[in-house]
Amino acid sequence: MPAKWKKNAEPQHLFAYINKSRHVDENDQVRLKGFTIDYCRPALSAMIEVSDKITDDDRHEIFNSTLWNRITSGDLEPNTFLEEFDKQYRSHLGIPKKRYQLRTSISMYPEISIPKMKEAGCVFVWQRGSARLEKERKRVIGNRDEACDFDDSLYTPVRVFVQARTVHKAMHDGLEALDYIRGLLNVATVPPIRITKAGTSRPANTFVLGPNHTIHNNRGACETDMFWYDTQYRSMLSSYKDTPAWTKVIEYVLRLRKKVIRNSKSKQIIRAVVGYCRALDEWDHTSAFIQLWSVLELLTGSPRQYDVVVRRALFCYKDLDHNKQMLEHLRDVRNRYVHRRESSVEMQSNMFMLADYVRTLIRFYIFHGNRFERLQDIHELMDTPKEAGALNKKAAMIDFTRRYRRV
């Protein structure tokens, strides 16, 4: 899809504002006065519509290059800007894909046995790389200030082989696929409720990633001296031990993956599983709660219609009265924080409760989503009466209609 301006976008007004601050100094160098470009750049970038084949980082580089080229040429107007942006964008899509290795780690003891997996074109190998790769990783991370203080040897090493055009895309796709597998692991192992003291919150997930990630080529050399790290990281979390339950956990995960692969709603399921996983990666429980609510809205197909969210989320439960009160409470907690920034002292408990409702809906989609042709059919099912009397009455009316119309 070629790049285009979004509907109702009027970039010419921002371009005119930038042009007013443009001047040429005594050395014939183009300069901009003040912070005009910093104010206008985010809004201008958001006005352009492209496909999702590039990451935000790659898009950001293309946009900045185009913007500065147009400013220096003195020809900053919508048509010429979009032409150059689209040219660079298409050039980017023409870059041949390479095979990269994403090297990170996951919170399991290294002795745990986990099978080799393939997901979304990525191959997962749960062991260290070559001596060269590990040496390169250590060199890049080194003692840099931004590197997280972390003992990599206590987690299971992970290498994700991924085909991509740039290191940014390799990191994006590798982590996306890994977070999906990790999300299934976390769905399969209900997080233990840990009530901690104020100021000592930690992620609820059983399986979290190590904080430092590096990108390597197929021979193990680092493709860039840049590495990615968890900006929220505070301290090392405990590793999952190899227990008798592990065999059942991995068997269940493989069963879930097989169900999702055969499910016509796989895209929605994967998006929900990744969202669930990343929400419970949060060290801040309020942030985790808000992200979980977004996943609940996704699964109920009812963004910003909170009475519909509650009604549809109730579908999976027999005890309607109890669960309705709980969901109404969680809805009120969400609204108080979003609209008035009132955070509950019980946010940790609220987060675990909401996670349970999200996890139940994810499992419903995985095991029953394939019964329905459209997502709307699932949402309509969730809207059916929950009480036995009302459900029987509706069933009788449908049965009468079928007999009357002889269908």
Protein backbone atom coordinates (compact mmCIF):
# COMPACT_ATOMS: atom_id res chain seq x y z
CA MET A 1 0.00 0.00 0.00
CA PRO A 2 1.48 3.39 -0.97
CA ALA A 3 1.91 5.99 1.74
CA LYS A 4 -0.91 8.53 1.92
CA TRP A 5 -2.22 11.30 4.12
CA LYS A 6 -4.96 10.23 6.50
CA LYS A 7 -8.48 11.43 5.96
CA ASN A 8 -9.02 14.97 7.32
CA ALA A 9 -5.25 15.53 7.67
CA GLU A 10 -4.14 19.04 6.65
CA PRO A 11 -0.33 18.97 6.90
CA GLN A 12 0.07 22.21 4.94
CA HIS A 13 -0.68 24.23 8.08
CA LEU A 14 2.16 22.58 10.01
CA PHE A 15 4.51 22.85 7.03
CA ALA A 16 3.78 26.58 6.85
CA TYR A 17 4.55 26.88 10.57
CA ILE A 18 7.89 25.10 10.10
CA ASN A 19 8.75 27.21 7.04
CA LYS A 20 8.36 30.40 9.09
CA SER A 21 11.20 29.26 11.37
CA ARG A 22 13.49 28.27 8.48
CA HIS A 23 16.48 30.46 7.69
CA VAL A 24 19.91 30.17 6.04
CA ASP A 25 22.95 31.25 8.09
CA GLU A 26 26.11 32.99 6.90
CA ASN A 27 27.62 29.60 5.94
CA ASP A 28 24.65 28.75 3.71
CA GLN A 29 23.46 26.14 6.21
CA VAL A 30 19.73 25.71 6.74
CA ARG A 31 18.67 26.33 10.35
CA LEU A 32 15.39 26.27 12.25
CA LYS A 33 14.59 28.71 15.01
CA GLY A 34 13.40 27.43 18.35
CA PHE A 35 11.70 24.07 18.81
CA THR A 36 9.20 24.32 15.97
CA ILE A 37 10.16 21.04 14.35
CA ASP A 38 10.02 19.19 17.69
CA TYR A 39 6.47 20.43 18.25
CA CYS A 40 5.22 19.62 14.74
CA ARG A 41 7.04 16.34 14.03
CA PRO A 42 4.85 13.94 16.10
CA ALA A 43 1.62 15.32 14.65
CA LEU A 44 2.94 15.24 11.07
CA SER A 45 4.21 11.69 11.45
CA ALA A 46 0.82 10.55 12.78
CA MET A 47 -0.91 12.00 9.68
CA ILE A 48 0.78 9.52 7.33
CA GLU A 49 -0.82 6.15 6.72
CA VAL A 50 1.32 3.17 5.69
CA SER A 51 1.11 -0.60 5.98
CA ASP A 52 2.24 -2.36 9.14
CA LYS A 53 5.25 -3.94 7.40
CA ILE A 54 7.71 -1.61 9.15
CA THR A 55 8.37 -0.92 12.80
CA ASP A 56 7.90 2.42 14.51
CA ASP A 57 11.69 2.83 14.68
CA ASP A 58 12.14 2.29 10.93
CA ARG A 59 9.19 4.55 10.15
CA HIS A 60 10.65 7.22 12.44
CA GLU A 61 13.98 7.14 10.56
CA ILE A 62 12.26 7.39 7.15
CA PHE A 63 10.06 10.26 8.31
CA ASN A 64 12.93 12.27 9.83
CA SER A 65 15.09 11.79 6.74
CA THR A 66 12.27 12.93 4.47
CA LEU A 67 11.40 15.92 6.64
CA TRP A 68 14.96 17.22 6.81
CA ASN A 69 15.53 16.68 3.08
CA ARG A 70 12.42 18.71 2.26
CA ILE A 71 13.38 21.46 4.72
CA THR A 72 16.89 21.82 3.32
CA SER A 73 15.62 21.81 -0.27
CA GLY A 74 13.18 24.60 0.52
CA ASP A 75 10.31 22.59 -0.94
CA LEU A 76 8.23 21.60 2.06
CA GLU A 77 4.67 21.00 0.95
CA PRO A 78 2.28 18.00 1.18
CA ASN A 79 2.64 16.50 -2.31
CA THR A 80 6.43 16.60 -2.61
CA PHE A 81 6.84 15.47 1.00
CA LEU A 82 4.60 12.45 0.48
CA GLU A 83 6.33 11.58 -2.80
CA GLU A 84 9.76 11.45 -1.13
CA PHE A 85 8.43 9.64 1.94
CA ASP A 86 6.78 7.02 -0.27
CA LYS A 87 9.98 6.64 -2.30
CA GLN A 88 12.06 5.98 0.83
CA TYR A 89 9.34 3.73 2.21
CA ARG A 90 9.27 1.60 -0.96
CA SER A 91 13.07 1.52 -1.00
CA HIS A 92 12.95 0.20 2.56
CA LEU A 93 10.50 -2.56 1.55
CA GLY A 94 12.88 -3.50 -1.26
CA ILE A 95 15.70 -4.31 1.18
CA PRO A 96 16.24 -8.10 1.10
CA LYS A 97 15.52 -9.93 4.31
CA LYS A 98 18.39 -11.36 6.36
CA ARG A 99 18.51 -14.02 9.03
CA TYR A 100 19.06 -12.58 12.50
CA GLN A 101 19.38 -14.07 15.96
CA LEU A 102 17.69 -12.41 18.92
CA ARG A 103 19.49 -13.46 22.11
CA THR A 104 17.77 -13.03 25.44
CA SER A 105 16.73 -15.21 28.40
CA ILE A 106 13.62 -16.34 30.25
CA SER A 107 12.97 -16.94 33.96
CA MET A 108 13.37 -20.72 34.02
CA TYR A 109 16.26 -22.67 35.46
CA PRO A 110 18.66 -23.63 32.64
CA GLU A 111 18.23 -27.33 33.41
CA ILE A 112 14.56 -27.27 32.37
CA SER A 113 13.82 -29.16 29.16
CA ILE A 114 11.75 -27.29 26.58
CA PRO A 115 11.30 -28.40 22.97
CA LYS A 116 12.44 -26.44 19.94
CA MET A 117 9.53 -24.40 18.57
CA LYS A 118 8.59 -22.45 15.47
CA GLU A 119 6.09 -19.58 15.50
CA ALA A 120 5.25 -16.87 12.93
CA GLY A 121 8.34 -17.75 10.91
CA CYS A 122 10.59 -17.56 13.99
CA VAL A 123 12.53 -20.54 15.35
CA PHE A 124 13.16 -20.76 19.11
CA VAL A 125 16.25 -22.49 20.46
CA TRP A 126 16.42 -22.65 24.25
CA GLN A 127 20.19 -22.69 24.70
CA ARG A 128 23.24 -20.46 24.45
CA GLY A 129 24.71 -19.53 21.11
CA SER A 130 28.22 -20.07 19.80
CA ALA A 131 31.25 -18.87 21.75
CA ARG A 132 31.51 -15.95 19.32
CA LEU A 133 27.88 -14.94 19.86
CA GLU A 134 28.18 -15.01 23.65
CA LYS A 135 31.44 -13.05 23.52
CA GLU A 136 29.87 -10.44 21.24
CA ARG A 137 26.85 -10.16 23.52
CA LYS A 138 29.07 -9.61 26.54
CA ARG A 139 31.09 -6.99 24.64
CA VAL A 140 28.05 -5.00 23.53
CA ILE A 141 26.35 -5.01 26.92
CA GLY A 142 29.61 -4.66 28.84
CA ASN A 143 29.51 -2.24 31.76
CA ARG A 144 27.42 0.39 30.02
CA ASP A 145 25.34 2.52 32.34
CA GLU A 146 22.03 1.56 30.75
CA ALA A 147 22.71 -2.21 31.06
CA CYS A 148 20.66 -3.90 33.77
CA ASP A 149 22.51 -5.58 36.64
CA PHE A 150 21.51 -9.15 35.94
CA ASP A 151 23.00 -12.65 36.27
CA ASP A 152 22.17 -14.25 32.92
CA SER A 153 23.35 -17.68 34.05
CA LEU A 154 20.33 -18.20 36.33
CA TYR A 155 17.81 -17.98 33.47
CA THR A 156 17.30 -20.23 30.45
CA PRO A 157 19.00 -18.65 27.42
CA VAL A 158 16.81 -18.14 24.34
CA ARG A 159 17.77 -17.56 20.72
CA VAL A 160 15.08 -16.55 18.27
CA PHE A 161 15.97 -16.94 14.60
CA VAL A 162 14.03 -14.41 12.53
CA GLN A 163 14.01 -13.14 8.93
CA ALA A 164 13.84 -9.34 8.72
CA ARG A 165 15.04 -6.32 6.73
CA THR A 166 16.47 -4.35 9.67
CA VAL A 167 17.63 -4.95 13.22
CA HIS A 168 14.60 -3.00 14.48
CA LYS A 169 12.21 -5.29 12.63
CA ALA A 170 14.14 -8.37 13.76
CA MET A 171 13.87 -7.28 17.39
CA HIS A 172 10.19 -6.37 17.01
CA ASP A 173 9.16 -9.64 15.33
CA GLY A 174 11.37 -11.79 17.54
CA LEU A 175 10.01 -10.36 20.78
CA GLU A 176 6.43 -10.47 19.47
CA ALA A 177 6.70 -14.19 18.71
CA LEU A 178 8.53 -14.90 21.96
CA ASP A 179 5.96 -12.97 24.00
CA TYR A 180 3.21 -15.07 22.42
CA ILE A 181 4.91 -18.33 23.48
CA ARG A 182 5.66 -16.84 26.87
CA GLY A 183 2.05 -15.65 27.10
CA LEU A 184 0.79 -19.20 26.56
CA LEU A 185 3.15 -20.39 29.31
CA ASN A 186 1.74 -17.75 31.64
CA VAL A 187 -1.85 -18.61 30.69
CA ALA A 188 -1.06 -22.26 31.45
CA THR A 189 0.40 -21.42 34.87
CA VAL A 190 -1.94 -19.23 36.89
CA PRO A 191 0.20 -16.55 38.57
CA PRO A 192 0.38 -17.03 42.33
CA ILE A 193 -1.24 -14.12 44.17
CA ARG A 194 1.59 -12.32 45.93
CA ILE A 195 0.40 -9.63 48.32
CA THR A 196 3.43 -7.39 48.79
CA LYS A 197 4.09 -4.28 50.80
CA ALA A 198 3.73 -0.83 49.25
CA GLY A 199 6.73 0.04 47.10
CA THR A 200 7.74 -3.58 46.55
CA SER A 201 5.54 -4.53 43.59
CA ARG A 202 6.84 -6.95 40.98
CA PRO A 203 5.52 -8.48 37.74
CA ALA A 204 2.77 -11.04 38.18
CA ASN A 205 3.98 -13.29 35.37
CA THR A 206 5.68 -16.55 36.25
CA PHE A 207 7.73 -16.41 33.05
CA VAL A 208 9.45 -13.07 32.39
CA LEU A 209 12.30 -12.15 30.07
CA GLY A 210 15.76 -11.18 31.16
CA PRO A 211 16.22 -7.39 30.87
CA ASN A 212 18.95 -7.32 28.16
CA HIS A 213 18.39 -8.27 24.50
CA THR A 214 20.93 -8.35 21.66
CA ILE A 215 20.69 -8.89 17.88
CA HIS A 216 23.25 -11.02 16.03
CA ASN A 217 23.78 -12.16 12.48
CA ASN A 218 23.79 -15.80 11.47
CA ARG A 219 27.49 -16.15 12.38
CA GLY A 220 27.02 -14.72 15.87
CA ALA A 221 28.48 -11.23 15.39
CA CYS A 222 26.40 -8.35 16.73
CA GLU A 223 24.68 -6.48 13.92
CA THR A 224 24.84 -3.24 15.91
CA ASP A 225 26.52 -1.94 19.04
CA MET A 226 23.06 -1.00 20.25
CA PHE A 227 21.21 -3.34 22.57
CA TRP A 228 17.70 -3.31 23.96
CA TYR A 229 16.93 -3.32 27.66
CA ASP A 230 13.96 -3.20 30.05
CA THR A 231 13.62 0.38 31.29
CA GLN A 232 11.39 -0.78 34.17
CA TYR A 233 13.81 -3.39 35.48
CA ARG A 234 14.44 -3.17 39.23
CA SER A 235 15.83 -6.49 40.40
CA MET A 236 16.24 -10.08 39.31
CA LEU A 237 13.16 -12.26 39.66
CA SER A 238 13.10 -15.90 40.71
CA SER A 239 13.39 -18.66 38.10
CA TYR A 240 10.75 -21.31 37.51
CA LYS A 241 12.04 -24.61 38.86
CA ASP A 242 11.79 -27.96 37.14
CA THR A 243 8.91 -29.54 39.03
CA PRO A 244 6.74 -32.59 38.29
CA ALA A 245 4.08 -30.14 37.04
CA TRP A 246 6.36 -28.86 34.25
CA THR A 247 5.64 -31.79 31.93
CA LYS A 248 1.92 -31.07 32.19
CA VAL A 249 2.51 -27.34 31.66
CA ILE A 250 4.48 -27.79 28.43
CA GLU A 251 2.01 -30.42 27.16
CA TYR A 252 -0.84 -27.99 27.80
CA VAL A 253 1.01 -25.16 26.03
CA LEU A 254 1.63 -27.34 22.97
CA ARG A 255 -2.05 -28.27 23.01
CA LEU A 256 -3.04 -24.58 23.16
CA ARG A 257 -0.68 -23.74 20.25
CA LYS A 258 -2.19 -26.49 18.11
CA LYS A 259 -5.69 -25.20 18.87
CA VAL A 260 -4.73 -21.63 17.96
CA ILE A 261 -3.06 -22.67 14.69
CA ARG A 262 -6.30 -24.34 13.59
CA ASN A 263 -8.47 -21.49 14.88
CA SER A 264 -9.94 -18.98 12.42
CA LYS A 265 -9.69 -16.34 15.17
CA SER A 266 -5.94 -16.91 15.63
CA LYS A 267 -4.95 -13.27 14.98
CA GLN A 268 -7.25 -11.99 17.71
CA ILE A 269 -6.15 -14.75 20.09
CA ILE A 270 -2.44 -14.06 19.54
CA ARG A 271 -3.00 -10.33 20.03
CA ALA A 272 -4.87 -11.01 23.28
CA VAL A 273 -2.25 -13.47 24.58
CA VAL A 274 0.60 -11.04 23.85
CA GLY A 275 -1.37 -8.20 25.47
CA TYR A 276 -2.07 -10.33 28.55
CA CYS A 277 1.59 -11.32 28.81
CA ARG A 278 2.93 -7.78 28.46
CA ALA A 279 0.40 -6.38 30.92
CA LEU A 280 1.55 -8.79 33.64
CA ASP A 281 5.19 -7.95 32.85
CA GLU A 282 4.58 -4.51 34.36
CA TRP A 283 6.25 -3.68 37.65
CA ASP A 284 3.56 -1.09 38.31
CA HIS A 285 0.29 -2.83 39.08
CA THR A 286 -1.88 0.13 38.09
CA SER A 287 -0.32 0.11 34.62
CA ALA A 288 -0.82 -3.67 34.45
CA PHE A 289 -4.49 -3.27 35.40
CA ILE A 290 -5.18 -0.65 32.72
CA GLN A 291 -3.49 -2.78 30.05
CA LEU A 292 -5.48 -5.84 31.13
CA TRP A 293 -8.70 -3.87 30.81
CA SER A 294 -7.75 -3.05 27.22
CA VAL A 295 -7.37 -6.79 26.53
CA LEU A 296 -10.79 -7.40 28.12
CA GLU A 297 -12.27 -4.80 25.75
CA LEU A 298 -10.57 -6.52 22.81
CA LEU A 299 -12.01 -9.92 23.72
CA THR A 300 -15.53 -8.58 24.30
CA GLY A 301 -15.44 -6.40 21.17
CA SER A 302 -16.72 -3.42 23.13
CA PRO A 303 -14.19 -0.59 23.51
CA ARG A 304 -15.52 2.22 25.73
CA GLN A 305 -18.90 0.49 26.17
CA TYR A 306 -18.33 -0.71 29.69
CA ASP A 307 -21.82 -2.08 30.34
CA VAL A 308 -21.31 -4.28 27.26
CA VAL A 309 -17.84 -5.32 28.50
CA VAL A 310 -19.33 -6.50 31.80
CA ARG A 311 -22.31 -8.24 30.18
CA ARG A 312 -20.17 -10.16 27.68
CA ALA A 313 -17.43 -11.05 30.18
CA LEU A 314 -20.12 -12.67 32.35
CA PHE A 315 -20.91 -15.21 29.62
CA CYS A 316 -18.26 -17.70 30.81
CA TYR A 317 -19.56 -17.84 34.41
CA LYS A 318 -22.43 -19.64 36.11
CA ASP A 319 -22.43 -17.53 39.29
CA LEU A 320 -23.76 -14.38 37.62
CA ASP A 321 -24.56 -12.31 40.71
CA HIS A 322 -21.13 -12.69 42.29
CA ASN A 323 -19.17 -12.12 39.08
CA LYS A 324 -21.29 -9.15 38.01
CA GLN A 325 -20.49 -7.39 41.28
CA MET A 326 -16.79 -8.12 40.84
CA LEU A 327 -16.73 -6.87 37.23
CA GLU A 328 -18.69 -3.72 38.13
CA HIS A 329 -16.14 -3.08 40.87
CA LEU A 330 -13.23 -3.51 38.44
CA ARG A 331 -14.97 -1.23 35.94
CA ASP A 332 -15.29 1.44 38.64
CA VAL A 333 -11.60 1.06 39.58
CA ARG A 334 -10.62 1.54 35.92
CA ASN A 335 -12.82 4.64 35.49
CA ARG A 336 -11.65 6.29 38.72
CA TYR A 337 -8.04 5.98 37.65
CA VAL A 338 -8.47 6.96 33.99
CA HIS A 339 -10.71 9.96 34.63
CA ARG A 340 -9.50 11.20 38.04
CA ARG A 341 -6.15 9.43 38.54
CA GLU A 342 -7.46 7.83 41.72
CA SER A 343 -5.44 4.68 42.30
CA SER A 344 -6.78 1.99 44.62
CA VAL A 345 -4.73 0.80 47.59
CA GLU A 346 -5.99 -2.66 46.59
CA MET A 347 -4.69 -2.37 43.03
CA GLN A 348 -2.62 -5.52 43.30
CA SER A 349 -5.65 -7.62 44.23
CA ASN A 350 -7.72 -5.89 41.56
CA MET A 351 -5.07 -6.71 38.97
CA PHE A 352 -5.11 -10.43 39.85
CA MET A 353 -8.91 -10.51 39.71
CA LEU A 354 -8.99 -8.85 36.28
CA ALA A 355 -6.24 -11.18 35.02
CA ASP A 356 -8.46 -14.15 35.90
CA TYR A 357 -11.36 -12.80 33.81
CA VAL A 358 -9.05 -12.10 30.85
CA ARG A 359 -7.45 -15.55 31.10
CA THR A 360 -10.88 -17.22 31.11
CA LEU A 361 -11.93 -15.37 27.95
CA ILE A 362 -8.66 -16.23 26.20
CA ARG A 363 -9.26 -19.91 26.91
CA PHE A 364 -12.83 -19.62 25.62
CA TYR A 365 -11.58 -18.17 22.33
CA ILE A 366 -8.89 -20.84 22.00
CA PHE A 367 -11.19 -23.81 22.63
CA HIS A 368 -14.44 -22.55 21.10
CA GLY A 369 -13.60 -19.66 18.73
CA ASN A 370 -13.43 -21.93 15.71
CA ARG A 371 -17.13 -22.76 16.07
CA PHE A 372 -18.01 -19.28 14.83
CA GLU A 373 -17.63 -17.80 11.39
CA ARG A 374 -17.16 -14.20 12.52
CA LEU A 375 -16.01 -12.37 15.64
CA GLN A 376 -19.41 -10.68 15.71
CA ASP A 377 -20.98 -14.12 16.13
CA ILE A 378 -18.99 -14.66 19.32
CA HIS A 379 -20.04 -11.25 20.63
CA GLU A 380 -23.69 -11.98 19.79
CA LEU A 381 -23.41 -15.27 21.68
CA MET A 382 -22.05 -13.39 24.69
CA ASP A 383 -25.06 -11.05 24.50
CA THR A 384 -27.58 -13.89 24.86
CA PRO A 385 -29.49 -14.05 28.16
CA LYS A 386 -27.53 -15.58 31.02
CA GLU A 387 -30.42 -16.54 33.34
CA ALA A 388 -32.01 -19.96 32.75
CA GLY A 389 -35.58 -18.60 32.52
CA ALA A 390 -34.73 -15.90 29.96
CA LEU A 391 -32.57 -18.33 27.98
CA ASN A 392 -35.34 -20.95 27.84
CA LYS A 393 -37.85 -18.30 26.74
CA LYS A 394 -35.59 -17.17 23.89
CA ALA A 395 -34.89 -20.78 22.86
CA ALA A 396 -38.64 -21.46 22.73
CA MET A 397 -39.21 -18.39 20.55
CA ILE A 398 -36.44 -19.46 18.15
CA ASP A 399 -37.84 -22.98 18.02
CA PHE A 400 -41.34 -21.64 17.26
CA THR A 401 -39.94 -19.37 14.52
CA ARG A 402 -38.12 -22.29 12.88
CA ARG A 403 -41.29 -24.43 12.91
CA TYR A 404 -43.55 -21.59 11.76
CA ARG A 405 -41.25 -20.66 8.87
CA ARG A 406 -40.44 -24.35 8.25
CA VAL A 407 -36.68 -23.78 8.18
